[in-house]
Amino acid sequence: MVSGPETGVVKAIREAVVARWPGSYILKVHGDRYVPDGTPDLLLSVQGRFVAIEVKYRRAGESEQRAHAKATDAQRRALGQVILSGGIAFVATSAAEAVATIEANLSAPS
């Protein structure tokens, strides 16, 4: 398994989500020839809601906007499909961002 800076962000997100919502299910997706292009890095079930997170590493001095822009067209399409189906989907560069985005979407009226 390849390890890099993004691995640390994935680990932090997993830990933060489980700490905030202990009953959550989290699956880290490892891309291979059987996984469709653009499949998000993390697939979760949080309080009965499907959540898909595309994780991007934010380099020192890099803006959050630039880090988010690293998502490919296929990744953006996959996130859009999740949203259209009623799930929560987004790009995150940190655990704090992921938790805040999930929280905002869980508390928003359906």
PDB file of N, CA and C in Angstrom:
ATOM      1  N   MET A   1       0.847  -1.182   0.000  1.00  0.00           N
ATOM      2  CA  MET A   1       0.000   0.000   0.000  1.00  0.00           C
ATOM      3  C   MET A   1       0.886   1.235   0.000  1.00  0.00           C
ATOM      4  N   VAL A   2       0.525   2.185  -0.848  1.00  0.00           N
ATOM      5  CA  VAL A   2       1.275   3.426  -0.950  1.00  0.00           C
ATOM      6  C   VAL A   2       0.871   4.339   0.198  1.00  0.00           C
ATOM      7  N   SER A   3       1.871   4.957   0.816  1.00  0.00           N
ATOM      8  CA  SER A   3       1.601   5.867   1.919  1.00  0.00           C
ATOM      9  C   SER A   3       2.163   7.235   1.561  1.00  0.00           C
ATOM     10  N   GLY A   4       1.444   8.263   1.938  1.00  0.00           N
ATOM     11  CA  GLY A   4       1.902   9.615   1.657  1.00  0.00           C
ATOM     12  C   GLY A   4       1.215  10.585   2.580  1.00  0.00           C
ATOM     13  N   PRO A   5       1.385  11.872   2.314  1.00  0.00           N
ATOM     14  CA  PRO A   5       0.793  12.891   3.188  1.00  0.00           C
ATOM     15  C   PRO A   5      -0.727  12.783   3.307  1.00  0.00           C
ATOM     16  N   GLU A   6      -1.390  12.374   2.221  1.00  0.00           N
ATOM     17  CA  GLU A   6      -2.847  12.252   2.256  1.00  0.00           C
ATOM     18  C   GLU A   6      -3.289  11.181   3.254  1.00  0.00           C
ATOM     19  N   THR A   7      -2.461  10.177   3.464  1.00  0.00           N
ATOM     20  CA  THR A   7      -2.779   9.097   4.404  1.00  0.00           C
ATOM     21  C   THR A   7      -3.017   9.647   5.805  1.00  0.00           C
ATOM     22  N   GLY A   8      -2.215  10.620   6.204  1.00  0.00           N
ATOM     23  CA  GLY A   8      -2.382  11.237   7.519  1.00  0.00           C
ATOM     24  C   GLY A   8      -3.696  11.986   7.640  1.00  0.00           C
ATOM     25  N   VAL A   9      -4.115  12.634   6.550  1.00  0.00           N
ATOM     26  CA  VAL A   9      -5.385  13.364   6.557  1.00  0.00           C
ATOM     27  C   VAL A   9      -6.535  12.368   6.661  1.00  0.00           C
ATOM     28  N   VAL A  10      -6.459  11.271   5.910  1.00  0.00           N
ATOM     29  CA  VAL A  10      -7.490  10.231   5.962  1.00  0.00           C
ATOM     30  C   VAL A  10      -7.619   9.690   7.382  1.00  0.00           C
ATOM     31  N   LYS A  11      -6.491   9.384   8.002  1.00  0.00           N
ATOM     32  CA  LYS A  11      -6.486   8.843   9.373  1.00  0.00           C
ATOM     33  C   LYS A  11      -7.122   9.834  10.352  1.00  0.00           C
ATOM     34  N   ALA A  12      -6.755  11.110  10.227  1.00  0.00           N
ATOM     35  CA  ALA A  12      -7.308  12.141  11.119  1.00  0.00           C
ATOM     36  C   ALA A  12      -8.818  12.283  10.931  1.00  0.00           C
ATOM     37  N   ILE A  13      -9.279  12.211   9.691  1.00  0.00           N
ATOM     38  CA  ILE A  13     -10.716  12.309   9.433  1.00  0.00           C
ATOM     39  C   ILE A  13     -11.437  11.121  10.055  1.00  0.00           C
ATOM     40  N   ARG A  14     -10.910   9.930   9.847  1.00  0.00           N
ATOM     41  CA  ARG A  14     -11.538   8.737  10.418  1.00  0.00           C
ATOM     42  C   ARG A  14     -11.663   8.855  11.933  1.00  0.00           C
ATOM     43  N   GLU A  15     -10.571   9.243  12.584  1.00  0.00           N
ATOM     44  CA  GLU A  15     -10.563   9.364  14.043  1.00  0.00           C
ATOM     45  C   GLU A  15     -11.544  10.431  14.517  1.00  0.00           C
ATOM     46  N   ALA A  16     -11.589  11.565  13.825  1.00  0.00           N
ATOM     47  CA  ALA A  16     -12.471  12.666  14.232  1.00  0.00           C
ATOM     48  C   ALA A  16     -13.945  12.296  14.060  1.00  0.00           C
ATOM     49  N   VAL A  17     -14.271  11.611  12.981  1.00  0.00           N
ATOM     50  CA  VAL A  17     -15.662  11.212  12.743  1.00  0.00           C
ATOM     51  C   VAL A  17     -16.114  10.209  13.801  1.00  0.00           C
ATOM     52  N   VAL A  18     -15.282   9.230  14.097  1.00  0.00           N
ATOM     53  CA  VAL A  18     -15.644   8.221  15.106  1.00  0.00           C
ATOM     54  C   VAL A  18     -15.747   8.859  16.491  1.00  0.00           C
ATOM     55  N   ALA A  19     -14.897   9.832  16.769  1.00  0.00           N
ATOM     56  CA  ALA A  19     -14.971  10.517  18.063  1.00  0.00           C
ATOM     57  C   ALA A  19     -16.269  11.324  18.173  1.00  0.00           C
ATOM     58  N   ARG A  20     -16.680  11.952  17.083  1.00  0.00           N
ATOM     59  CA  ARG A  20     -17.894  12.795  17.099  1.00  0.00           C
ATOM     60  C   ARG A  20     -19.173  11.963  17.003  1.00  0.00           C
ATOM     61  N   TRP A  21     -19.152  10.917  16.159  1.00  0.00           N
ATOM     62  CA  TRP A  21     -20.305  10.042  15.941  1.00  0.00           C
ATOM     63  C   TRP A  21     -19.845   8.594  16.101  1.00  0.00           C
ATOM     64  N   PRO A  22     -19.768   8.104  17.336  1.00  0.00           N
ATOM     65  CA  PRO A  22     -19.176   6.789  17.617  1.00  0.00           C
ATOM     66  C   PRO A  22     -19.747   5.600  16.844  1.00  0.00           C
ATOM     67  N   GLY A  23     -20.988   5.621  16.442  1.00  0.00           N
ATOM     68  CA  GLY A  23     -21.557   4.474  15.734  1.00  0.00           C
ATOM     69  C   GLY A  23     -21.339   4.487  14.232  1.00  0.00           C
ATOM     70  N   SER A  24     -20.521   5.397  13.739  1.00  0.00           N
ATOM     71  CA  SER A  24     -20.338   5.555  12.295  1.00  0.00           C
ATOM     72  C   SER A  24     -19.607   4.378  11.669  1.00  0.00           C
ATOM     73  N   TYR A  25     -19.940   4.132  10.393  1.00  0.00           N
ATOM     74  CA  TYR A  25     -19.237   3.131   9.598  1.00  0.00           C
ATOM     75  C   TYR A  25     -18.377   3.898   8.611  1.00  0.00           C
ATOM     76  N   ILE A  26     -17.109   3.501   8.476  1.00  0.00           N
ATOM     77  CA  ILE A  26     -16.197   4.186   7.566  1.00  0.00           C
ATOM     78  C   ILE A  26     -15.437   3.156   6.748  1.00  0.00           C
ATOM     79  N   LEU A  27     -15.421   3.360   5.438  1.00  0.00           N
ATOM     80  CA  LEU A  27     -14.677   2.496   4.530  1.00  0.00           C
ATOM     81  C   LEU A  27     -13.696   3.349   3.750  1.00  0.00           C
ATOM     82  N   LYS A  28     -12.418   2.996   3.810  1.00  0.00           N
ATOM     83  CA  LYS A  28     -11.396   3.662   2.992  1.00  0.00           C
ATOM     84  C   LYS A  28     -11.329   2.901   1.674  1.00  0.00           C
ATOM     85  N   VAL A  29     -11.563   3.595   0.587  1.00  0.00           N
ATOM     86  CA  VAL A  29     -11.553   2.973  -0.731  1.00  0.00           C
ATOM     87  C   VAL A  29     -10.150   3.063  -1.320  1.00  0.00           C
ATOM     88  N   HIS A  30      -9.652   1.924  -1.756  1.00  0.00           N
ATOM     89  CA  HIS A  30      -8.347   1.864  -2.422  1.00  0.00           C
ATOM     90  C   HIS A  30      -8.613   1.604  -3.902  1.00  0.00           C
ATOM     91  N   GLY A  31      -8.238   2.541  -4.739  1.00  0.00           N
ATOM     92  CA  GLY A  31      -8.510   2.416  -6.161  1.00  0.00           C
ATOM     93  C   GLY A  31      -7.756   1.260  -6.803  1.00  0.00           C
ATOM     94  N   ASP A  32      -8.448   0.531  -7.639  1.00  0.00           N
ATOM     95  CA  ASP A  32      -7.841  -0.492  -8.475  1.00  0.00           C
ATOM     96  C   ASP A  32      -8.720  -0.656  -9.704  1.00  0.00           C
ATOM     97  N   ARG A  33      -8.456  -1.636 -10.517  1.00  0.00           N
ATOM     98  CA  ARG A  33      -9.192  -1.771 -11.772  1.00  0.00           C
ATOM     99  C   ARG A  33     -10.671  -2.110 -11.575  1.00  0.00           C
ATOM    100  N   TYR A  34     -11.054  -2.540 -10.380  1.00  0.00           N
ATOM    101  CA  TYR A  34     -12.441  -2.893 -10.107  1.00  0.00           C
ATOM    102  C   TYR A  34     -13.251  -1.745  -9.512  1.00  0.00           C
ATOM    103  N   VAL A  35     -12.574  -0.677  -9.125  1.00  0.00           N
ATOM    104  CA  VAL A  35     -13.245   0.482  -8.517  1.00  0.00           C
ATOM    105  C   VAL A  35     -13.418   1.550  -9.596  1.00  0.00           C
ATOM    106  N   PRO A  36     -14.637   2.018  -9.811  1.00  0.00           N
ATOM    107  CA  PRO A  36     -14.864   3.029 -10.849  1.00  0.00           C
ATOM    108  C   PRO A  36     -14.024   4.288 -10.626  1.00  0.00           C
ATOM    109  N   ASP A  37     -13.561   4.884 -11.716  1.00  0.00           N
ATOM    110  CA  ASP A  37     -12.813   6.138 -11.635  1.00  0.00           C
ATOM    111  C   ASP A  37     -13.631   7.179 -10.894  1.00  0.00           C
ATOM    112  N   GLY A  38     -12.975   7.925 -10.029  1.00  0.00           N
ATOM    113  CA  GLY A  38     -13.633   9.009  -9.318  1.00  0.00           C
ATOM    114  C   GLY A  38     -14.264   8.617  -8.001  1.00  0.00           C
ATOM    115  N   THR A  39     -14.253   7.316  -7.672  1.00  0.00           N
ATOM    116  CA  THR A  39     -14.852   6.897  -6.406  1.00  0.00           C
ATOM    117  C   THR A  39     -14.157   7.629  -5.259  1.00  0.00           C
ATOM    118  N   PRO A  40     -14.923   8.270  -4.362  1.00  0.00           N
ATOM    119  CA  PRO A  40     -14.321   9.032  -3.258  1.00  0.00           C
ATOM    120  C   PRO A  40     -13.462   8.156  -2.347  1.00  0.00           C
ATOM    121  N   ASP A  41     -12.514   8.788  -1.668  1.00  0.00           N
ATOM    122  CA  ASP A  41     -11.573   8.095  -0.779  1.00  0.00           C
ATOM    123  C   ASP A  41     -12.251   7.442   0.417  1.00  0.00           C
ATOM    124  N   LEU A  42     -13.231   8.112   0.983  1.00  0.00           N
ATOM    125  CA  LEU A  42     -13.921   7.601   2.177  1.00  0.00           C
ATOM    126  C   LEU A  42     -15.418   7.520   1.921  1.00  0.00           C
ATOM    127  N   LEU A  43     -15.992   6.373   2.264  1.00  0.00           N
ATOM    128  CA  LEU A  43     -17.442   6.181   2.198  1.00  0.00           C
ATOM    129  C   LEU A  43     -17.900   5.907   3.617  1.00  0.00           C
ATOM    130  N   LEU A  44     -18.877   6.663   4.078  1.00  0.00           N
ATOM    131  CA  LEU A  44     -19.303   6.583   5.470  1.00  0.00           C
ATOM    132  C   LEU A  44     -20.815   6.482   5.590  1.00  0.00           C
ATOM    133  N   SER A  45     -21.243   5.976   6.730  1.00  0.00           N
ATOM    134  CA  SER A  45     -22.627   6.080   7.160  1.00  0.00           C
ATOM    135  C   SER A  45     -22.573   6.770   8.517  1.00  0.00           C
ATOM    136  N   VAL A  46     -23.155   7.962   8.577  1.00  0.00           N
ATOM    137  CA  VAL A  46     -23.152   8.761   9.801  1.00  0.00           C
ATOM    138  C   VAL A  46     -24.594   9.113  10.136  1.00  0.00           C
ATOM    139  N   GLN A  47     -25.052   8.626  11.269  1.00  0.00           N
ATOM    140  CA  GLN A  47     -26.425   8.866  11.719  1.00  0.00           C
ATOM    141  C   GLN A  47     -27.436   8.556  10.613  1.00  0.00           C
ATOM    142  N   GLY A  48     -27.208   7.454   9.920  1.00  0.00           N
ATOM    143  CA  GLY A  48     -28.133   7.018   8.889  1.00  0.00           C
ATOM    144  C   GLY A  48     -28.008   7.726   7.554  1.00  0.00           C
ATOM    145  N   ARG A  49     -27.043   8.616   7.413  1.00  0.00           N
ATOM    146  CA  ARG A  49     -26.821   9.332   6.149  1.00  0.00           C
ATOM    147  C   ARG A  49     -25.574   8.805   5.471  1.00  0.00           C
ATOM    148  N   PHE A  50     -25.657   8.682   4.139  1.00  0.00           N
ATOM    149  CA  PHE A  50     -24.503   8.272   3.352  1.00  0.00           C
ATOM    150  C   PHE A  50     -23.624   9.487   3.121  1.00  0.00           C
ATOM    151  N   VAL A  51     -22.329   9.335   3.358  1.00  0.00           N
ATOM    152  CA  VAL A  51     -21.376  10.429   3.208  1.00  0.00           C
ATOM    153  C   VAL A  51     -20.202   9.938   2.357  1.00  0.00           C
ATOM    154  N   ALA A  52     -19.804  10.744   1.385  1.00  0.00           N
ATOM    155  CA  ALA A  52     -18.647  10.436   0.549  1.00  0.00           C
ATOM    156  C   ALA A  52     -17.674  11.609   0.639  1.00  0.00           C
ATOM    157  N   ILE A  53     -16.428  11.297   0.944  1.00  0.00           N
ATOM    158  CA  ILE A  53     -15.417  12.354   1.091  1.00  0.00           C
ATOM    159  C   ILE A  53     -14.241  12.073   0.169  1.00  0.00           C
ATOM    160  N   GLU A  54     -13.911  13.037  -0.656  1.00  0.00           N
ATOM    161  CA  GLU A  54     -12.693  12.992  -1.460  1.00  0.00           C
ATOM    162  C   GLU A  54     -11.651  13.772  -0.664  1.00  0.00           C
ATOM    163  N   VAL A  55     -10.581  13.113  -0.268  1.00  0.00           N
ATOM    164  CA  VAL A  55      -9.565  13.717   0.588  1.00  0.00           C
ATOM    165  C   VAL A  55      -8.421  14.253  -0.272  1.00  0.00           C
ATOM    166  N   LYS A  56      -8.034  15.484   0.000  1.00  0.00           N
ATOM    167  CA  LYS A  56      -6.899  16.110  -0.687  1.00  0.00           C
ATOM    168  C   LYS A  56      -5.935  16.663   0.355  1.00  0.00           C
ATOM    169  N   TYR A  57      -4.663  16.459   0.110  1.00  0.00           N
ATOM    170  CA  TYR A  57      -3.623  16.982   0.994  1.00  0.00           C
ATOM    171  C   TYR A  57      -3.375  18.447   0.652  1.00  0.00           C
ATOM    172  N   ARG A  58      -3.331  19.270   1.671  1.00  0.00           N
ATOM    173  CA  ARG A  58      -3.069  20.702   1.505  1.00  0.00           C
ATOM    174  C   ARG A  58      -1.618  20.977   1.892  1.00  0.00           C
ATOM    175  N   ARG A  59      -0.821  21.348   0.915  1.00  0.00           N
ATOM    176  CA  ARG A  59       0.600  21.636   1.163  1.00  0.00           C
ATOM    177  C   ARG A  59       0.741  22.936   1.956  1.00  0.00           C
ATOM    178  N   ALA A  60       1.859  23.055   2.647  1.00  0.00           N
ATOM    179  CA  ALA A  60       2.145  24.272   3.407  1.00  0.00           C
ATOM    180  C   ALA A  60       2.098  25.472   2.465  1.00  0.00           C
ATOM    181  N   GLY A  61       1.352  26.490   2.859  1.00  0.00           N
ATOM    182  CA  GLY A  61       1.239  27.705   2.067  1.00  0.00           C
ATOM    183  C   GLY A  61       0.209  27.631   0.947  1.00  0.00           C
ATOM    184  N   GLU A  62      -0.358  26.460   0.724  1.00  0.00           N
ATOM    185  CA  GLU A  62      -1.352  26.297  -0.339  1.00  0.00           C
ATOM    186  C   GLU A  62      -2.733  26.698   0.185  1.00  0.00           C
ATOM    187  N   SER A  63      -3.498  27.393  -0.617  1.00  0.00           N
ATOM    188  CA  SER A  63      -4.839  27.783  -0.188  1.00  0.00           C
ATOM    189  C   SER A  63      -5.758  26.562  -0.180  1.00  0.00           C
ATOM    190  N   GLU A  64      -6.785  26.644   0.647  1.00  0.00           N
ATOM    191  CA  GLU A  64      -7.772  25.570   0.696  1.00  0.00           C
ATOM    192  C   GLU A  64      -8.444  25.421  -0.668  1.00  0.00           C
ATOM    193  N   GLN A  65      -8.712  26.554  -1.301  1.00  0.00           N
ATOM    194  CA  GLN A  65      -9.346  26.547  -2.621  1.00  0.00           C
ATOM    195  C   GLN A  65      -8.481  25.792  -3.634  1.00  0.00           C
ATOM    196  N   ARG A  66      -7.184  26.030  -3.621  1.00  0.00           N
ATOM    197  CA  ARG A  66      -6.266  25.344  -4.549  1.00  0.00           C
ATOM    198  C   ARG A  66      -6.225  23.851  -4.249  1.00  0.00           C
ATOM    199  N   ALA A  67      -6.203  23.488  -2.978  1.00  0.00           N
ATOM    200  CA  ALA A  67      -6.179  22.073  -2.602  1.00  0.00           C
ATOM    201  C   ALA A  67      -7.463  21.382  -3.071  1.00  0.00           C
ATOM    202  N   HIS A  68      -8.600  22.042  -2.907  1.00  0.00           N
ATOM    203  CA  HIS A  68      -9.879  21.481  -3.357  1.00  0.00           C
ATOM    204  C   HIS A  68      -9.907  21.321  -4.871  1.00  0.00           C
ATOM    205  N   ALA A  69      -9.236  22.228  -5.572  1.00  0.00           N
ATOM    206  CA  ALA A  69      -9.228  22.205  -7.034  1.00  0.00           C
ATOM    207  C   ALA A  69      -8.476  20.996  -7.595  1.00  0.00           C
ATOM    208  N   LYS A  70      -7.763  20.281  -6.753  1.00  0.00           N
ATOM    209  CA  LYS A  70      -7.034  19.091  -7.211  1.00  0.00           C
ATOM    210  C   LYS A  70      -7.979  17.928  -7.537  1.00  0.00           C
ATOM    211  N   ALA A  71      -9.222  18.021  -7.118  1.00  0.00           N
ATOM    212  CA  ALA A  71     -10.183  16.954  -7.418  1.00  0.00           C
ATOM    213  C   ALA A  71     -10.353  16.868  -8.932  1.00  0.00           C
ATOM    214  N   THR A  72     -10.307  15.659  -9.450  1.00  0.00           N
ATOM    215  CA  THR A  72     -10.445  15.452 -10.890  1.00  0.00           C
ATOM    216  C   THR A  72     -11.909  15.578 -11.317  1.00  0.00           C
ATOM    217  N   ASP A  73     -12.119  15.674 -12.618  1.00  0.00           N
ATOM    218  CA  ASP A  73     -13.486  15.736 -13.136  1.00  0.00           C
ATOM    219  C   ASP A  73     -14.266  14.488 -12.737  1.00  0.00           C
ATOM    220  N   ALA A  74     -13.635  13.330 -12.807  1.00  0.00           N
ATOM    221  CA  ALA A  74     -14.316  12.074 -12.429  1.00  0.00           C
ATOM    222  C   ALA A  74     -14.690  12.103 -10.951  1.00  0.00           C
ATOM    223  N   GLN A  75     -13.816  12.631 -10.101  1.00  0.00           N
ATOM    224  CA  GLN A  75     -14.111  12.726  -8.672  1.00  0.00           C
ATOM    225  C   GLN A  75     -15.260  13.690  -8.427  1.00  0.00           C
ATOM    226  N   ARG A  76     -15.278  14.809  -9.128  1.00  0.00           N
ATOM    227  CA  ARG A  76     -16.364  15.783  -8.978  1.00  0.00           C
ATOM    228  C   ARG A  76     -17.702  15.188  -9.446  1.00  0.00           C
ATOM    229  N   ARG A  77     -17.667  14.424 -10.534  1.00  0.00           N
ATOM    230  CA  ARG A  77     -18.893  13.780 -11.019  1.00  0.00           C
ATOM    231  C   ARG A  77     -19.422  12.782  -9.990  1.00  0.00           C
ATOM    232  N   ALA A  78     -18.512  11.988  -9.407  1.00  0.00           N
ATOM    233  CA  ALA A  78     -18.935  11.001  -8.404  1.00  0.00           C
ATOM    234  C   ALA A  78     -19.543  11.697  -7.192  1.00  0.00           C
ATOM    235  N   LEU A  79     -18.921  12.766  -6.717  1.00  0.00           N
ATOM    236  CA  LEU A  79     -19.471  13.516  -5.581  1.00  0.00           C
ATOM    237  C   LEU A  79     -20.842  14.081  -5.939  1.00  0.00           C
ATOM    238  N   GLY A  80     -20.982  14.580  -7.156  1.00  0.00           N
ATOM    239  CA  GLY A  80     -22.258  15.113  -7.607  1.00  0.00           C
ATOM    240  C   GLY A  80     -23.351  14.052  -7.638  1.00  0.00           C
ATOM    241  N   GLN A  81     -23.005  12.838  -8.047  1.00  0.00           N
ATOM    242  CA  GLN A  81     -23.986  11.746  -8.068  1.00  0.00           C
ATOM    243  C   GLN A  81     -24.468  11.424  -6.657  1.00  0.00           C
ATOM    244  N   VAL A  82     -23.543  11.448  -5.696  1.00  0.00           N
ATOM    245  CA  VAL A  82     -23.927  11.182  -4.311  1.00  0.00           C
ATOM    246  C   VAL A  82     -24.895  12.251  -3.822  1.00  0.00           C
ATOM    247  N   ILE A  83     -24.592  13.497  -4.123  1.00  0.00           N
ATOM    248  CA  ILE A  83     -25.465  14.601  -3.706  1.00  0.00           C
ATOM    249  C   ILE A  83     -26.843  14.465  -4.357  1.00  0.00           C
ATOM    250  N   LEU A  84     -26.872  14.168  -5.653  1.00  0.00           N
ATOM    251  CA  LEU A  84     -28.156  14.014  -6.349  1.00  0.00           C
ATOM    252  C   LEU A  84     -28.988  12.869  -5.793  1.00  0.00           C
ATOM    253  N   SER A  85     -28.321  11.863  -5.237  1.00  0.00           N
ATOM    254  CA  SER A  85     -29.058  10.722  -4.678  1.00  0.00           C
ATOM    255  C   SER A  85     -29.474  10.956  -3.232  1.00  0.00           C
ATOM    256  N   GLY A  86     -29.144  12.129  -2.689  1.00  0.00           N
ATOM    257  CA  GLY A  86     -29.558  12.465  -1.329  1.00  0.00           C
ATOM    258  C   GLY A  86     -28.487  12.309  -0.276  1.00  0.00           C
ATOM    259  N   GLY A  87     -27.286  11.947  -0.690  1.00  0.00           N
ATOM    260  CA  GLY A  87     -26.187  11.803   0.259  1.00  0.00           C
ATOM    261  C   GLY A  87     -25.441  13.111   0.470  1.00  0.00           C
ATOM    262  N   ILE A  88     -24.456  13.040   1.313  1.00  0.00           N
ATOM    263  CA  ILE A  88     -23.570  14.171   1.606  1.00  0.00           C
ATOM    264  C   ILE A  88     -22.246  13.858   0.926  1.00  0.00           C
ATOM    265  N   ALA A  89     -21.718  14.787   0.158  1.00  0.00           N
ATOM    266  CA  ALA A  89     -20.466  14.538  -0.553  1.00  0.00           C
ATOM    267  C   ALA A  89     -19.677  15.828  -0.696  1.00  0.00           C
ATOM    268  N   PHE A  90     -18.360  15.727  -0.489  1.00  0.00           N
ATOM    269  CA  PHE A  90     -17.532  16.925  -0.544  1.00  0.00           C
ATOM    270  C   PHE A  90     -16.051  16.559  -0.583  1.00  0.00           C
ATOM    271  N   VAL A  91     -15.235  17.561  -0.880  1.00  0.00           N
ATOM    272  CA  VAL A  91     -13.782  17.451  -0.811  1.00  0.00           C
ATOM    273  C   VAL A  91     -13.363  18.019   0.537  1.00  0.00           C
ATOM    274  N   ALA A  92     -12.423  17.357   1.222  1.00  0.00           N
ATOM    275  CA  ALA A  92     -11.927  17.852   2.512  1.00  0.00           C
ATOM    276  C   ALA A  92     -10.408  17.778   2.552  1.00  0.00           C
ATOM    277  N   THR A  93      -9.827  18.762   3.220  1.00  0.00           N
ATOM    278  CA  THR A  93      -8.375  18.788   3.388  1.00  0.00           C
ATOM    279  C   THR A  93      -7.958  18.602   4.841  1.00  0.00           C
ATOM    280  N   SER A  94      -8.953  18.475   5.736  1.00  0.00           N
ATOM    281  CA  SER A  94      -8.631  18.303   7.152  1.00  0.00           C
ATOM    282  C   SER A  94      -9.790  17.631   7.876  1.00  0.00           C
ATOM    283  N   ALA A  95      -9.483  17.109   9.050  1.00  0.00           N
ATOM    284  CA  ALA A  95     -10.512  16.490   9.878  1.00  0.00           C
ATOM    285  C   ALA A  95     -11.530  17.537  10.331  1.00  0.00           C
ATOM    286  N   ALA A  96     -11.054  18.709  10.698  1.00  0.00           N
ATOM    287  CA  ALA A  96     -11.963  19.764  11.154  1.00  0.00           C
ATOM    288  C   ALA A  96     -12.943  20.149  10.057  1.00  0.00           C
ATOM    289  N   GLU A  97     -12.464  20.269   8.850  1.00  0.00           N
ATOM    290  CA  GLU A  97     -13.336  20.603   7.717  1.00  0.00           C
ATOM    291  C   GLU A  97     -14.359  19.492   7.477  1.00  0.00           C
ATOM    292  N   ALA A  98     -13.922  18.242   7.531  1.00  0.00           N
ATOM    293  CA  ALA A  98     -14.822  17.110   7.306  1.00  0.00           C
ATOM    294  C   ALA A  98     -15.923  17.069   8.354  1.00  0.00           C
ATOM    295  N   VAL A  99     -15.550  17.179   9.618  1.00  0.00           N
ATOM    296  CA  VAL A  99     -16.546  17.133  10.698  1.00  0.00           C
ATOM    297  C   VAL A  99     -17.517  18.302  10.576  1.00  0.00           C
ATOM    298  N   ALA A 100     -17.015  19.489  10.321  1.00  0.00           N
ATOM    299  CA  ALA A 100     -17.881  20.667  10.198  1.00  0.00           C
ATOM    300  C   ALA A 100     -18.850  20.514   9.026  1.00  0.00           C
ATOM    301  N   THR A 101     -18.386  19.980   7.922  1.00  0.00           N
ATOM    302  CA  THR A 101     -19.252  19.820   6.747  1.00  0.00           C
ATOM    303  C   THR A 101     -20.322  18.762   6.997  1.00  0.00           C
ATOM    304  N   ILE A 102     -19.930  17.657   7.609  1.00  0.00           N
ATOM    305  CA  ILE A 102     -20.923  16.627   7.938  1.00  0.00           C
ATOM    306  C   ILE A 102     -21.953  17.198   8.903  1.00  0.00           C
ATOM    307  N   GLU A 103     -21.483  17.865   9.944  1.00  0.00           N
ATOM    308  CA  GLU A 103     -22.367  18.450  10.954  1.00  0.00           C
ATOM    309  C   GLU A 103     -23.369  19.415  10.322  1.00  0.00           C
ATOM    310  N   ALA A 104     -22.884  20.281   9.454  1.00  0.00           N
ATOM    311  CA  ALA A 104     -23.752  21.268   8.792  1.00  0.00           C
ATOM    312  C   ALA A 104     -24.820  20.578   7.952  1.00  0.00           C
ATOM    313  N   ASN A 105     -24.443  19.517   7.274  1.00  0.00           N
ATOM    314  CA  ASN A 105     -25.393  18.800   6.422  1.00  0.00           C
ATOM    315  C   ASN A 105     -26.368  17.958   7.218  1.00  0.00           C
ATOM    316  N   LEU A 106     -25.931  17.402   8.338  1.00  0.00           N
ATOM    317  CA  LEU A 106     -26.840  16.618   9.188  1.00  0.00           C
ATOM    318  C   LEU A 106     -27.888  17.499   9.832  1.00  0.00           C
ATOM    319  N   SER A 107     -27.516  18.738  10.148  1.00  0.00           N
ATOM    320  CA  SER A 107     -28.457  19.628  10.836  1.00  0.00           C
ATOM    321  C   SER A 107     -29.315  20.423   9.866  1.00  0.00           C
ATOM    322  N   ALA A 108     -28.970  20.380   8.565  1.00  0.00           N
ATOM    323  CA  ALA A 108     -29.775  21.110   7.563  1.00  0.00           C
ATOM    324  C   ALA A 108     -31.095  20.376   7.345  1.00  0.00           C
ATOM    325  N   PRO A 109     -32.156  21.126   7.117  1.00  0.00           N
ATOM    326  CA  PRO A 109     -33.447  20.470   6.839  1.00  0.00           C
ATOM    327  C   PRO A 109     -33.361  19.649   5.566  1.00  0.00           C
ATOM    328  N   SER A 110     -33.962  18.479   5.565  1.00  0.00           N
ATOM    329  CA  SER A 110     -33.929  17.595   4.391  1.00  0.00           C
ATOM    330  C   SER A 110     -34.856  18.058   3.316  1.00  0.00           C
TER     331      SER A 110
END
